[in-house]
Amino acid sequence: MLILDFDGVVVESNAVKTKAFQGVFERFPEYTATMMAYHHAHVSLNRFAKIEHLLSLMGRSDDASLKADIAADFSRRVLEGVLDVPLVPGADRFLQMLTPRYPIYLASVTPAEELDHILEQRGLAHWFCDVYGCPPWTKADAIRDVLTREGVKPDEALLIGDSAGDQRAAKITGVGFLARDSGLSFDAPAPMMFTDLNEITQYLEEVLK
């Protein structure tokens, strides 16, 4: 059973997300540099956690209206870019070859409603048994739910991700982990890493015969 992250694993959207964060944080110039540093240091945190950190720095943690406004601005910026970014090389081949053979799920820190919209617009939704977005799911809880649904043990499942956050979710839940190198960092010891989904498909073809 396979579980895929979305940004940086299925689509080349990491730069879109970073640009969107830059745009929303530039609305508050005195906090822009601090928040961009925070973003790069905590890439796997969902947008709401980063917005909450910004509001905390501003002393406006209880400002629900501003939080919603920033979140909506970020979502708009993301949707303007992510619908047009290319797939990670090999994504089509990976899905076409492996979905007939293994249950494949998607787990992302993108909010569920937004993720569903992106997948439908890009014609990708049909490849996945189910899709988990955050909110309402954390990645670790999504993995646990998939294991329960499929009735499999952690060592019978594999998470493919591109960040230390994905790596940690795999470790917490006990599932295997393969890393796609999208330019983000990982915890030590370094995981098994691949350039793209072409390499991962080839590897899985060899080890899962």
N, C-alpha and C. Protein backbone atom coordinates (compact mmCIF):
# COMPACT_ATOMS: atom_id res chain seq x y z
N MET A 1 0.84 -1.19 0.00
CA MET A 1 0.00 0.00 0.00
C MET A 1 0.88 1.24 0.00
N LEU A 2 0.51 2.23 -0.80
CA LEU A 2 1.33 3.43 -0.96
C LEU A 2 0.55 4.68 -0.55
N ILE A 3 1.23 5.58 0.14
CA ILE A 3 0.67 6.88 0.51
C ILE A 3 1.61 7.95 -0.02
N LEU A 4 1.08 8.89 -0.78
CA LEU A 4 1.90 9.94 -1.38
C LEU A 4 1.59 11.29 -0.76
N ASP A 5 2.65 12.07 -0.52
CA ASP A 5 2.49 13.49 -0.31
C ASP A 5 2.12 14.11 -1.66
N PHE A 6 1.67 15.35 -1.66
CA PHE A 6 1.24 15.99 -2.91
C PHE A 6 2.27 16.99 -3.43
N ASP A 7 2.48 18.07 -2.71
CA ASP A 7 3.42 19.11 -3.16
C ASP A 7 4.84 18.57 -3.16
N GLY A 8 5.49 18.63 -4.31
CA GLY A 8 6.86 18.16 -4.41
C GLY A 8 6.99 16.68 -4.67
N VAL A 9 5.88 15.96 -4.64
CA VAL A 9 5.90 14.52 -4.93
C VAL A 9 5.08 14.22 -6.18
N VAL A 10 3.88 14.78 -6.25
CA VAL A 10 3.02 14.59 -7.43
C VAL A 10 3.14 15.79 -8.37
N VAL A 11 3.14 16.99 -7.81
CA VAL A 11 3.27 18.20 -8.62
C VAL A 11 4.41 19.07 -8.09
N GLU A 12 5.02 19.83 -8.99
CA GLU A 12 6.16 20.69 -8.63
C GLU A 12 5.66 22.03 -8.11
N SER A 13 5.04 21.99 -6.93
CA SER A 13 4.33 23.17 -6.43
C SER A 13 4.98 23.82 -5.22
N ASN A 14 6.14 23.32 -4.77
CA ASN A 14 6.75 23.92 -3.58
C ASN A 14 7.06 25.39 -3.76
N ALA A 15 7.56 25.75 -4.96
CA ALA A 15 7.90 27.16 -5.21
C ALA A 15 6.65 28.03 -5.20
N VAL A 16 5.53 27.49 -5.66
CA VAL A 16 4.26 28.23 -5.65
C VAL A 16 3.86 28.55 -4.21
N LYS A 17 3.99 27.56 -3.33
CA LYS A 17 3.63 27.77 -1.93
C LYS A 17 4.54 28.82 -1.28
N THR A 18 5.84 28.73 -1.56
CA THR A 18 6.78 29.70 -0.98
C THR A 18 6.48 31.10 -1.48
N LYS A 19 6.18 31.24 -2.77
CA LYS A 19 5.84 32.54 -3.34
C LYS A 19 4.56 33.09 -2.70
N ALA A 20 3.60 32.20 -2.44
CA ALA A 20 2.35 32.62 -1.80
C ALA A 20 2.60 33.11 -0.38
N PHE A 21 3.45 32.39 0.36
CA PHE A 21 3.79 32.85 1.70
C PHE A 21 4.49 34.20 1.65
N GLN A 22 5.42 34.37 0.71
CA GLN A 22 6.11 35.64 0.56
C GLN A 22 5.11 36.77 0.33
N GLY A 23 4.13 36.51 -0.53
CA GLY A 23 3.13 37.53 -0.84
C GLY A 23 2.30 37.93 0.36
N VAL A 24 1.83 36.97 1.12
CA VAL A 24 0.97 37.32 2.27
C VAL A 24 1.79 37.94 3.40
N PHE A 25 3.02 37.48 3.58
CA PHE A 25 3.83 38.05 4.66
C PHE A 25 4.30 39.47 4.32
N GLU A 26 4.43 39.77 3.04
CA GLU A 26 4.84 41.12 2.65
C GLU A 26 3.76 42.16 2.96
N ARG A 27 2.56 41.71 3.26
CA ARG A 27 1.53 42.64 3.72
C ARG A 27 1.90 43.23 5.07
N PHE A 28 2.83 42.59 5.78
CA PHE A 28 3.25 43.02 7.12
C PHE A 28 4.78 43.15 7.09
N PRO A 29 5.30 44.22 6.46
CA PRO A 29 6.73 44.31 6.15
C PRO A 29 7.66 44.09 7.33
N GLU A 30 7.27 44.53 8.51
CA GLU A 30 8.17 44.40 9.66
C GLU A 30 8.33 42.94 10.10
N TYR A 31 7.45 42.06 9.59
CA TYR A 31 7.53 40.64 9.96
C TYR A 31 7.91 39.74 8.80
N THR A 32 8.09 40.30 7.62
CA THR A 32 8.31 39.48 6.43
C THR A 32 9.54 38.59 6.56
N ALA A 33 10.68 39.17 6.88
CA ALA A 33 11.92 38.39 6.95
C ALA A 33 11.84 37.31 8.03
N THR A 34 11.28 37.67 9.17
CA THR A 34 11.15 36.69 10.25
C THR A 34 10.24 35.54 9.86
N MET A 35 9.13 35.86 9.20
CA MET A 35 8.17 34.81 8.84
C MET A 35 8.68 33.95 7.69
N MET A 36 9.43 34.51 6.76
CA MET A 36 9.98 33.69 5.69
C MET A 36 11.04 32.73 6.25
N ALA A 37 11.82 33.21 7.21
CA ALA A 37 12.78 32.33 7.87
C ALA A 37 12.04 31.21 8.61
N TYR A 38 10.93 31.57 9.25
CA TYR A 38 10.13 30.57 9.96
C TYR A 38 9.54 29.55 8.97
N HIS A 39 9.06 30.05 7.85
CA HIS A 39 8.52 29.15 6.82
C HIS A 39 9.58 28.15 6.36
N HIS A 40 10.76 28.62 6.04
CA HIS A 40 11.80 27.73 5.52
C HIS A 40 12.29 26.74 6.59
N ALA A 41 12.22 27.16 7.85
CA ALA A 41 12.64 26.27 8.93
C ALA A 41 11.57 25.26 9.31
N HIS A 42 10.33 25.52 8.91
CA HIS A 42 9.20 24.65 9.26
C HIS A 42 8.34 24.40 8.02
N VAL A 43 8.99 23.92 6.97
CA VAL A 43 8.31 23.76 5.68
C VAL A 43 7.07 22.88 5.80
N SER A 44 7.13 21.86 6.63
CA SER A 44 6.04 20.89 6.69
C SER A 44 4.85 21.34 7.52
N LEU A 45 4.98 22.46 8.24
CA LEU A 45 3.83 22.97 8.98
C LEU A 45 2.75 23.45 8.01
N ASN A 46 1.50 23.24 8.37
CA ASN A 46 0.43 23.73 7.50
C ASN A 46 0.32 25.25 7.60
N ARG A 47 -0.37 25.83 6.65
CA ARG A 47 -0.46 27.29 6.54
C ARG A 47 -1.06 27.94 7.78
N PHE A 48 -2.02 27.26 8.41
CA PHE A 48 -2.70 27.85 9.56
C PHE A 48 -1.76 27.99 10.75
N ALA A 49 -0.87 27.02 10.93
CA ALA A 49 0.11 27.12 12.00
C ALA A 49 1.05 28.30 11.76
N LYS A 50 1.42 28.53 10.50
CA LYS A 50 2.31 29.65 10.19
C LYS A 50 1.59 30.98 10.35
N ILE A 51 0.34 31.03 9.96
CA ILE A 51 -0.43 32.26 10.15
C ILE A 51 -0.61 32.54 11.64
N GLU A 52 -0.87 31.50 12.41
CA GLU A 52 -1.01 31.69 13.85
C GLU A 52 0.29 32.20 14.47
N HIS A 53 1.42 31.73 13.96
CA HIS A 53 2.71 32.23 14.46
C HIS A 53 2.86 33.71 14.15
N LEU A 54 2.48 34.10 12.95
CA LEU A 54 2.53 35.52 12.57
C LEU A 54 1.66 36.36 13.49
N LEU A 55 0.43 35.91 13.71
CA LEU A 55 -0.48 36.67 14.57
C LEU A 55 0.05 36.76 15.99
N SER A 56 0.72 35.70 16.45
CA SER A 56 1.32 35.73 17.78
C SER A 56 2.41 36.79 17.87
N LEU A 57 3.24 36.86 16.83
CA LEU A 57 4.29 37.88 16.80
C LEU A 57 3.68 39.29 16.81
N MET A 58 2.53 39.43 16.18
CA MET A 58 1.88 40.73 16.07
C MET A 58 1.07 41.07 17.31
N GLY A 59 0.93 40.10 18.21
CA GLY A 59 0.09 40.31 19.38
C GLY A 59 -1.39 40.31 19.04
N ARG A 60 -1.76 39.57 17.99
CA ARG A 60 -3.16 39.54 17.54
C ARG A 60 -3.66 38.10 17.41
N SER A 61 -3.25 37.26 18.32
CA SER A 61 -3.60 35.84 18.25
C SER A 61 -5.10 35.60 18.25
N ASP A 62 -5.86 36.51 18.84
CA ASP A 62 -7.31 36.32 18.94
C ASP A 62 -8.08 36.97 17.79
N ASP A 63 -7.36 37.46 16.80
CA ASP A 63 -8.02 38.16 15.68
C ASP A 63 -8.43 37.15 14.62
N ALA A 64 -9.60 36.54 14.81
CA ALA A 64 -10.08 35.50 13.90
C ALA A 64 -10.34 36.05 12.51
N SER A 65 -10.79 37.30 12.43
CA SER A 65 -11.07 37.91 11.14
C SER A 65 -9.80 38.07 10.31
N LEU A 66 -8.73 38.54 10.93
CA LEU A 66 -7.47 38.70 10.22
C LEU A 66 -6.91 37.34 9.82
N LYS A 67 -7.01 36.36 10.69
CA LYS A 67 -6.54 35.02 10.36
C LYS A 67 -7.26 34.48 9.13
N ALA A 68 -8.57 34.63 9.09
CA ALA A 68 -9.35 34.16 7.95
C ALA A 68 -8.98 34.92 6.68
N ASP A 69 -8.74 36.21 6.81
CA ASP A 69 -8.38 37.04 5.65
C ASP A 69 -7.03 36.61 5.08
N ILE A 70 -6.04 36.38 5.94
CA ILE A 70 -4.73 35.95 5.47
C ILE A 70 -4.82 34.56 4.84
N ALA A 71 -5.58 33.67 5.46
CA ALA A 71 -5.72 32.32 4.92
C ALA A 71 -6.37 32.34 3.54
N ALA A 72 -7.39 33.19 3.37
CA ALA A 72 -8.05 33.30 2.07
C ALA A 72 -7.12 33.88 1.02
N ASP A 73 -6.32 34.85 1.41
CA ASP A 73 -5.35 35.45 0.49
C ASP A 73 -4.33 34.41 0.06
N PHE A 74 -3.84 33.63 1.02
CA PHE A 74 -2.87 32.59 0.70
C PHE A 74 -3.48 31.56 -0.25
N SER A 75 -4.69 31.12 0.03
CA SER A 75 -5.35 30.13 -0.81
C SER A 75 -5.51 30.64 -2.24
N ARG A 76 -5.91 31.91 -2.38
CA ARG A 76 -6.06 32.49 -3.72
C ARG A 76 -4.75 32.48 -4.48
N ARG A 77 -3.68 32.86 -3.81
CA ARG A 77 -2.37 32.89 -4.45
C ARG A 77 -1.92 31.49 -4.87
N VAL A 78 -2.19 30.51 -4.03
CA VAL A 78 -1.81 29.14 -4.35
C VAL A 78 -2.58 28.63 -5.57
N LEU A 79 -3.88 28.85 -5.57
CA LEU A 79 -4.70 28.34 -6.67
C LEU A 79 -4.34 29.00 -7.99
N GLU A 80 -3.87 30.23 -7.94
CA GLU A 80 -3.45 30.91 -9.17
C GLU A 80 -2.24 30.24 -9.81
N GLY A 81 -1.44 29.57 -8.98
CA GLY A 81 -0.22 28.97 -9.50
C GLY A 81 -0.23 27.46 -9.62
N VAL A 82 -0.86 26.78 -8.66
CA VAL A 82 -0.69 25.34 -8.58
C VAL A 82 -1.45 24.59 -9.67
N LEU A 83 -2.46 25.21 -10.25
CA LEU A 83 -3.21 24.53 -11.32
C LEU A 83 -2.42 24.41 -12.60
N ASP A 84 -1.34 25.18 -12.71
CA ASP A 84 -0.56 25.19 -13.95
C ASP A 84 0.85 24.61 -13.82
N VAL A 85 1.29 24.29 -12.62
CA VAL A 85 2.65 23.77 -12.47
C VAL A 85 2.74 22.36 -13.05
N PRO A 86 3.92 21.96 -13.52
CA PRO A 86 4.05 20.62 -14.10
C PRO A 86 3.98 19.53 -13.04
N LEU A 87 3.64 18.34 -13.49
CA LEU A 87 3.75 17.17 -12.64
C LEU A 87 5.23 16.88 -12.38
N VAL A 88 5.50 16.25 -11.26
CA VAL A 88 6.85 15.75 -11.02
C VAL A 88 7.17 14.73 -12.12
N PRO A 89 8.36 14.77 -12.71
CA PRO A 89 8.69 13.81 -13.76
C PRO A 89 8.42 12.37 -13.33
N GLY A 90 7.71 11.65 -14.18
CA GLY A 90 7.38 10.27 -13.89
C GLY A 90 6.08 10.06 -13.17
N ALA A 91 5.37 11.14 -12.81
CA ALA A 91 4.13 10.99 -12.04
C ALA A 91 3.08 10.21 -12.83
N ASP A 92 2.92 10.54 -14.11
CA ASP A 92 1.94 9.82 -14.94
C ASP A 92 2.25 8.33 -14.99
N ARG A 93 3.51 8.02 -15.27
CA ARG A 93 3.93 6.62 -15.37
C ARG A 93 3.73 5.90 -14.04
N PHE A 94 4.11 6.55 -12.96
CA PHE A 94 3.95 5.96 -11.63
C PHE A 94 2.50 5.59 -11.38
N LEU A 95 1.59 6.52 -11.60
CA LEU A 95 0.18 6.28 -11.31
C LEU A 95 -0.41 5.24 -12.26
N GLN A 96 -0.07 5.31 -13.52
CA GLN A 96 -0.61 4.36 -14.49
C GLN A 96 -0.14 2.94 -14.23
N MET A 97 1.09 2.78 -13.80
CA MET A 97 1.64 1.44 -13.61
C MET A 97 1.27 0.84 -12.26
N LEU A 98 1.19 1.68 -11.21
CA LEU A 98 1.06 1.13 -9.87
C LEU A 98 -0.36 1.13 -9.32
N THR A 99 -1.22 2.03 -9.80
CA THR A 99 -2.59 2.03 -9.25
C THR A 99 -3.36 0.74 -9.54
N PRO A 100 -3.13 0.05 -10.66
CA PRO A 100 -3.83 -1.23 -10.83
C PRO A 100 -3.34 -2.32 -9.88
N ARG A 101 -2.20 -2.10 -9.24
CA ARG A 101 -1.57 -3.16 -8.46
C ARG A 101 -1.61 -2.92 -6.96
N TYR A 102 -1.66 -1.65 -6.54
CA TYR A 102 -1.61 -1.33 -5.12
C TYR A 102 -2.60 -0.22 -4.79
N PRO A 103 -3.21 -0.26 -3.60
CA PRO A 103 -4.00 0.88 -3.16
C PRO A 103 -3.09 2.09 -2.97
N ILE A 104 -3.47 3.23 -3.56
CA ILE A 104 -2.66 4.44 -3.44
C ILE A 104 -3.52 5.56 -2.86
N TYR A 105 -3.01 6.17 -1.80
CA TYR A 105 -3.69 7.25 -1.12
C TYR A 105 -2.84 8.52 -1.20
N LEU A 106 -3.49 9.65 -0.97
CA LEU A 106 -2.81 10.94 -0.97
C LEU A 106 -3.01 11.59 0.39
N ALA A 107 -1.91 12.11 0.97
CA ALA A 107 -1.98 12.81 2.26
C ALA A 107 -1.16 14.08 2.15
N SER A 108 -1.78 15.23 2.42
CA SER A 108 -1.14 16.52 2.20
C SER A 108 -1.47 17.48 3.34
N VAL A 109 -0.62 18.52 3.51
CA VAL A 109 -0.94 19.57 4.48
C VAL A 109 -1.83 20.64 3.86
N THR A 110 -2.21 20.47 2.60
CA THR A 110 -3.18 21.37 1.97
C THR A 110 -4.57 21.07 2.52
N PRO A 111 -5.37 22.09 2.84
CA PRO A 111 -6.73 21.84 3.34
C PRO A 111 -7.52 20.95 2.39
N ALA A 112 -8.34 20.07 2.96
CA ALA A 112 -9.03 19.04 2.19
C ALA A 112 -9.86 19.62 1.04
N GLU A 113 -10.63 20.66 1.31
CA GLU A 113 -11.50 21.22 0.27
C GLU A 113 -10.67 21.78 -0.89
N GLU A 114 -9.61 22.48 -0.57
CA GLU A 114 -8.75 23.05 -1.61
C GLU A 114 -8.04 21.95 -2.39
N LEU A 115 -7.58 20.92 -1.68
CA LEU A 115 -6.90 19.81 -2.33
C LEU A 115 -7.84 19.08 -3.29
N ASP A 116 -9.06 18.84 -2.86
CA ASP A 116 -10.03 18.19 -3.73
C ASP A 116 -10.26 19.00 -5.01
N HIS A 117 -10.35 20.31 -4.85
CA HIS A 117 -10.56 21.19 -6.02
C HIS A 117 -9.38 21.10 -6.98
N ILE A 118 -8.17 21.13 -6.46
CA ILE A 118 -6.98 21.06 -7.31
C ILE A 118 -6.94 19.74 -8.05
N LEU A 119 -7.21 18.66 -7.36
CA LEU A 119 -7.17 17.34 -7.99
C LEU A 119 -8.21 17.20 -9.08
N GLU A 120 -9.41 17.71 -8.83
CA GLU A 120 -10.46 17.65 -9.84
C GLU A 120 -10.09 18.49 -11.07
N GLN A 121 -9.59 19.68 -10.84
CA GLN A 121 -9.23 20.57 -11.93
C GLN A 121 -8.09 20.00 -12.77
N ARG A 122 -7.20 19.26 -12.13
CA ARG A 122 -6.05 18.70 -12.84
C ARG A 122 -6.29 17.29 -13.34
N GLY A 123 -7.47 16.75 -13.07
CA GLY A 123 -7.79 15.40 -13.55
C GLY A 123 -7.00 14.31 -12.86
N LEU A 124 -6.69 14.52 -11.59
CA LEU A 124 -5.87 13.55 -10.86
C LEU A 124 -6.65 12.76 -9.81
N ALA A 125 -7.84 13.19 -9.48
CA ALA A 125 -8.55 12.62 -8.34
C ALA A 125 -8.80 11.12 -8.50
N HIS A 126 -9.04 10.67 -9.72
CA HIS A 126 -9.44 9.27 -9.92
C HIS A 126 -8.32 8.27 -9.63
N TRP A 127 -7.09 8.76 -9.50
CA TRP A 127 -5.98 7.84 -9.27
C TRP A 127 -5.92 7.35 -7.82
N PHE A 128 -6.57 8.04 -6.90
CA PHE A 128 -6.37 7.77 -5.47
C PHE A 128 -7.59 7.13 -4.84
N CYS A 129 -7.33 6.13 -3.98
CA CYS A 129 -8.42 5.50 -3.25
C CYS A 129 -9.14 6.51 -2.37
N ASP A 130 -8.37 7.41 -1.78
CA ASP A 130 -8.94 8.50 -0.99
C ASP A 130 -7.87 9.56 -0.80
N VAL A 131 -8.31 10.74 -0.38
CA VAL A 131 -7.42 11.89 -0.26
C VAL A 131 -7.61 12.49 1.13
N TYR A 132 -6.49 12.79 1.79
CA TYR A 132 -6.50 13.35 3.14
C TYR A 132 -5.84 14.72 3.11
N GLY A 133 -6.57 15.74 3.50
CA GLY A 133 -6.03 17.09 3.58
C GLY A 133 -5.96 17.55 5.03
N CYS A 134 -5.22 18.63 5.25
CA CYS A 134 -5.05 19.19 6.60
C CYS A 134 -5.39 20.68 6.60
N PRO A 135 -6.45 21.08 7.34
CA PRO A 135 -7.33 20.21 8.11
C PRO A 135 -8.27 19.41 7.19
N PRO A 136 -8.89 18.36 7.74
CA PRO A 136 -8.98 18.02 9.16
C PRO A 136 -7.91 17.03 9.64
N TRP A 137 -7.10 16.47 8.74
CA TRP A 137 -6.18 15.41 9.12
C TRP A 137 -4.76 15.94 9.30
N THR A 138 -4.06 15.45 10.32
CA THR A 138 -2.60 15.54 10.31
C THR A 138 -2.10 14.39 9.45
N LYS A 139 -0.86 14.49 8.99
CA LYS A 139 -0.35 13.42 8.11
C LYS A 139 -0.25 12.09 8.87
N ALA A 140 0.19 12.14 10.11
CA ALA A 140 0.30 10.90 10.89
C ALA A 140 -1.06 10.26 11.10
N ASP A 141 -2.06 11.05 11.42
CA ASP A 141 -3.40 10.50 11.61
C ASP A 141 -3.97 9.96 10.30
N ALA A 142 -3.66 10.62 9.19
CA ALA A 142 -4.09 10.11 7.89
C ALA A 142 -3.49 8.74 7.62
N ILE A 143 -2.21 8.60 7.91
CA ILE A 143 -1.55 7.30 7.71
C ILE A 143 -2.21 6.24 8.58
N ARG A 144 -2.45 6.56 9.82
CA ARG A 144 -3.08 5.58 10.73
C ARG A 144 -4.47 5.19 10.22
N ASP A 145 -5.21 6.16 9.70
CA ASP A 145 -6.54 5.85 9.19
C ASP A 145 -6.47 4.93 7.98
N VAL A 146 -5.51 5.19 7.10
CA VAL A 146 -5.35 4.33 5.92
C VAL A 146 -4.98 2.91 6.34
N LEU A 147 -4.08 2.78 7.30
CA LEU A 147 -3.70 1.44 7.77
C LEU A 147 -4.91 0.69 8.30
N THR A 148 -5.76 1.38 9.06
CA THR A 148 -6.97 0.75 9.61
C THR A 148 -7.92 0.36 8.49
N ARG A 149 -8.14 1.25 7.54
CA ARG A 149 -9.06 0.97 6.43
C ARG A 149 -8.61 -0.21 5.60
N GLU A 150 -7.32 -0.28 5.35
CA GLU A 150 -6.79 -1.35 4.50
C GLU A 150 -6.52 -2.63 5.28
N GLY A 151 -6.53 -2.53 6.61
CA GLY A 151 -6.27 -3.70 7.42
C GLY A 151 -4.86 -4.23 7.27
N VAL A 152 -3.90 -3.31 7.16
CA VAL A 152 -2.51 -3.73 6.97
C VAL A 152 -1.66 -3.24 8.13
N LYS A 153 -0.52 -3.88 8.30
CA LYS A 153 0.45 -3.48 9.32
C LYS A 153 1.33 -2.36 8.77
N PRO A 154 1.92 -1.57 9.65
CA PRO A 154 2.78 -0.47 9.17
C PRO A 154 3.88 -0.91 8.22
N ASP A 155 4.45 -2.10 8.45
CA ASP A 155 5.54 -2.53 7.57
C ASP A 155 5.05 -3.00 6.21
N GLU A 156 3.74 -2.94 6.00
CA GLU A 156 3.17 -3.27 4.69
C GLU A 156 2.77 -2.01 3.92
N ALA A 157 3.14 -0.85 4.46
CA ALA A 157 2.78 0.43 3.83
C ALA A 157 4.03 1.26 3.63
N LEU A 158 3.94 2.16 2.66
CA LEU A 158 5.08 3.00 2.29
C LEU A 158 4.59 4.41 2.04
N LEU A 159 5.24 5.39 2.68
CA LEU A 159 4.97 6.81 2.45
C LEU A 159 6.06 7.37 1.55
N ILE A 160 5.66 8.09 0.51
CA ILE A 160 6.59 8.78 -0.36
C ILE A 160 6.42 10.27 -0.12
N GLY A 161 7.47 10.93 0.36
CA GLY A 161 7.39 12.35 0.69
C GLY A 161 8.64 13.08 0.29
N ASP A 162 8.63 14.40 0.52
CA ASP A 162 9.78 15.21 0.09
C ASP A 162 10.27 16.15 1.18
N SER A 163 9.96 15.85 2.43
CA SER A 163 10.36 16.76 3.51
C SER A 163 10.62 15.99 4.79
N ALA A 164 11.29 16.68 5.72
CA ALA A 164 11.52 16.08 7.03
C ALA A 164 10.20 15.81 7.75
N GLY A 165 9.19 16.64 7.50
CA GLY A 165 7.89 16.40 8.11
C GLY A 165 7.28 15.09 7.66
N ASP A 166 7.41 14.78 6.38
CA ASP A 166 6.93 13.48 5.88
C ASP A 166 7.73 12.35 6.51
N GLN A 167 9.03 12.54 6.56
CA GLN A 167 9.93 11.54 7.16
C GLN A 167 9.52 11.25 8.61
N ARG A 168 9.21 12.31 9.37
CA ARG A 168 8.81 12.13 10.77
C ARG A 168 7.47 11.44 10.89
N ALA A 169 6.53 11.76 9.99
CA ALA A 169 5.23 11.10 10.02
C ALA A 169 5.37 9.60 9.78
N ALA A 170 6.28 9.24 8.87
CA ALA A 170 6.53 7.81 8.62
C ALA A 170 7.13 7.14 9.85
N LYS A 171 8.07 7.82 10.49
CA LYS A 171 8.72 7.26 11.67
C LYS A 171 7.72 7.09 12.81
N ILE A 172 6.87 8.10 13.01
CA ILE A 172 5.89 8.05 14.10
C ILE A 172 4.93 6.88 13.92
N THR A 173 4.53 6.64 12.68
CA THR A 173 3.52 5.61 12.41
C THR A 173 4.12 4.25 12.08
N GLY A 174 5.42 4.20 11.86
CA GLY A 174 6.08 2.92 11.61
C GLY A 174 6.04 2.44 10.18
N VAL A 175 5.57 3.28 9.26
CA VAL A 175 5.54 2.85 7.85
C VAL A 175 6.89 3.13 7.20
N GLY A 176 7.14 2.47 6.07
CA GLY A 176 8.37 2.72 5.32
C GLY A 176 8.34 4.10 4.69
N PHE A 177 9.53 4.58 4.31
CA PHE A 177 9.61 5.92 3.74
C PHE A 177 10.61 5.96 2.59
N LEU A 178 10.18 6.58 1.49
CA LEU A 178 11.05 6.90 0.38
C LEU A 178 10.98 8.40 0.15
N ALA A 179 12.13 9.00 -0.13
CA ALA A 179 12.20 10.45 -0.27
C ALA A 179 12.36 10.86 -1.72
N ARG A 180 11.53 11.79 -2.15
CA ARG A 180 11.74 12.45 -3.43
C ARG A 180 12.53 13.73 -3.15
N ASP A 181 13.64 13.91 -3.84
CA ASP A 181 14.49 15.07 -3.63
C ASP A 181 13.93 16.26 -4.40
N SER A 182 13.18 17.10 -3.69
CA SER A 182 12.64 18.33 -4.30
C SER A 182 13.43 19.55 -3.88
N GLY A 183 14.51 19.32 -3.13
CA GLY A 183 15.34 20.42 -2.65
C GLY A 183 15.17 20.72 -1.18
N LEU A 184 14.22 20.07 -0.52
CA LEU A 184 14.01 20.28 0.91
C LEU A 184 14.92 19.38 1.71
N SER A 185 15.08 19.69 2.98
CA SER A 185 16.00 18.94 3.83
C SER A 185 15.28 17.80 4.55
N PHE A 186 16.10 16.85 5.05
CA PHE A 186 15.60 15.71 5.81
C PHE A 186 16.39 15.57 7.09
N ASP A 187 15.82 14.83 8.03
CA ASP A 187 16.51 14.54 9.28
C ASP A 187 17.58 13.47 9.04
N ALA A 188 18.58 13.45 9.92
CA ALA A 188 19.55 12.37 9.92
C ALA A 188 19.01 11.18 10.73
N PRO A 189 19.29 9.97 10.29
CA PRO A 189 20.02 9.60 9.09
C PRO A 189 19.20 9.86 7.83
N ALA A 190 19.89 10.21 6.76
CA ALA A 190 19.20 10.54 5.51
C ALA A 190 18.43 9.34 4.99
N PRO A 191 17.21 9.57 4.50
CA PRO A 191 16.42 8.46 3.95
C PRO A 191 16.91 8.06 2.55
N MET A 192 16.39 6.96 2.04
CA MET A 192 16.65 6.58 0.66
C MET A 192 16.01 7.64 -0.24
N MET A 193 16.81 8.23 -1.12
CA MET A 193 16.35 9.41 -1.87
C MET A 193 16.41 9.17 -3.37
N PHE A 194 15.42 9.75 -4.07
CA PHE A 194 15.30 9.59 -5.51
C PHE A 194 15.06 10.95 -6.16
N THR A 195 15.51 11.07 -7.40
CA THR A 195 15.37 12.33 -8.11
C THR A 195 13.93 12.65 -8.43
N ASP A 196 13.17 11.63 -8.86
CA ASP A 196 11.79 11.86 -9.30
C ASP A 196 11.01 10.55 -9.23
N LEU A 197 9.79 10.58 -9.74
CA LEU A 197 8.95 9.38 -9.67
C LEU A 197 9.33 8.33 -10.70
N ASN A 198 10.07 8.71 -11.73
CA ASN A 198 10.62 7.69 -12.63
C ASN A 198 11.54 6.75 -11.86
N GLU A 199 12.44 7.32 -11.07
CA GLU A 199 13.37 6.51 -10.29
C GLU A 199 12.64 5.70 -9.23
N ILE A 200 11.63 6.30 -8.60
CA ILE A 200 10.89 5.57 -7.57
C ILE A 200 10.10 4.42 -8.19
N THR A 201 9.51 4.63 -9.35
CA THR A 201 8.79 3.56 -10.03
C THR A 201 9.73 2.40 -10.34
N GLN A 202 10.89 2.71 -10.87
CA GLN A 202 11.87 1.67 -11.19
C GLN A 202 12.28 0.90 -9.94
N TYR A 203 12.51 1.63 -8.86
CA TYR A 203 12.88 0.97 -7.60
C TYR A 203 11.77 0.04 -7.10
N LEU A 204 10.53 0.53 -7.12
CA LEU A 204 9.43 -0.29 -6.64
C LEU A 204 9.20 -1.50 -7.53
N GLU A 205 9.38 -1.34 -8.82
CA GLU A 205 9.26 -2.47 -9.73
C GLU A 205 10.25 -3.57 -9.38
N GLU A 206 11.42 -3.17 -8.91
CA GLU A 206 12.46 -4.15 -8.59
C GLU A 206 12.21 -4.82 -7.25
N VAL A 207 11.79 -4.05 -6.25
CA VAL A 207 11.69 -4.62 -4.90
C VAL A 207 10.32 -5.23 -4.59
N LEU A 208 9.32 -4.88 -5.38
CA LEU A 208 7.96 -5.38 -5.08
C LEU A 208 7.48 -6.43 -6.07
N LYS A 209 8.40 -7.05 -6.80
CA LYS A 209 8.01 -8.10 -7.75
C LYS A 209 7.29 -9.22 -7.04
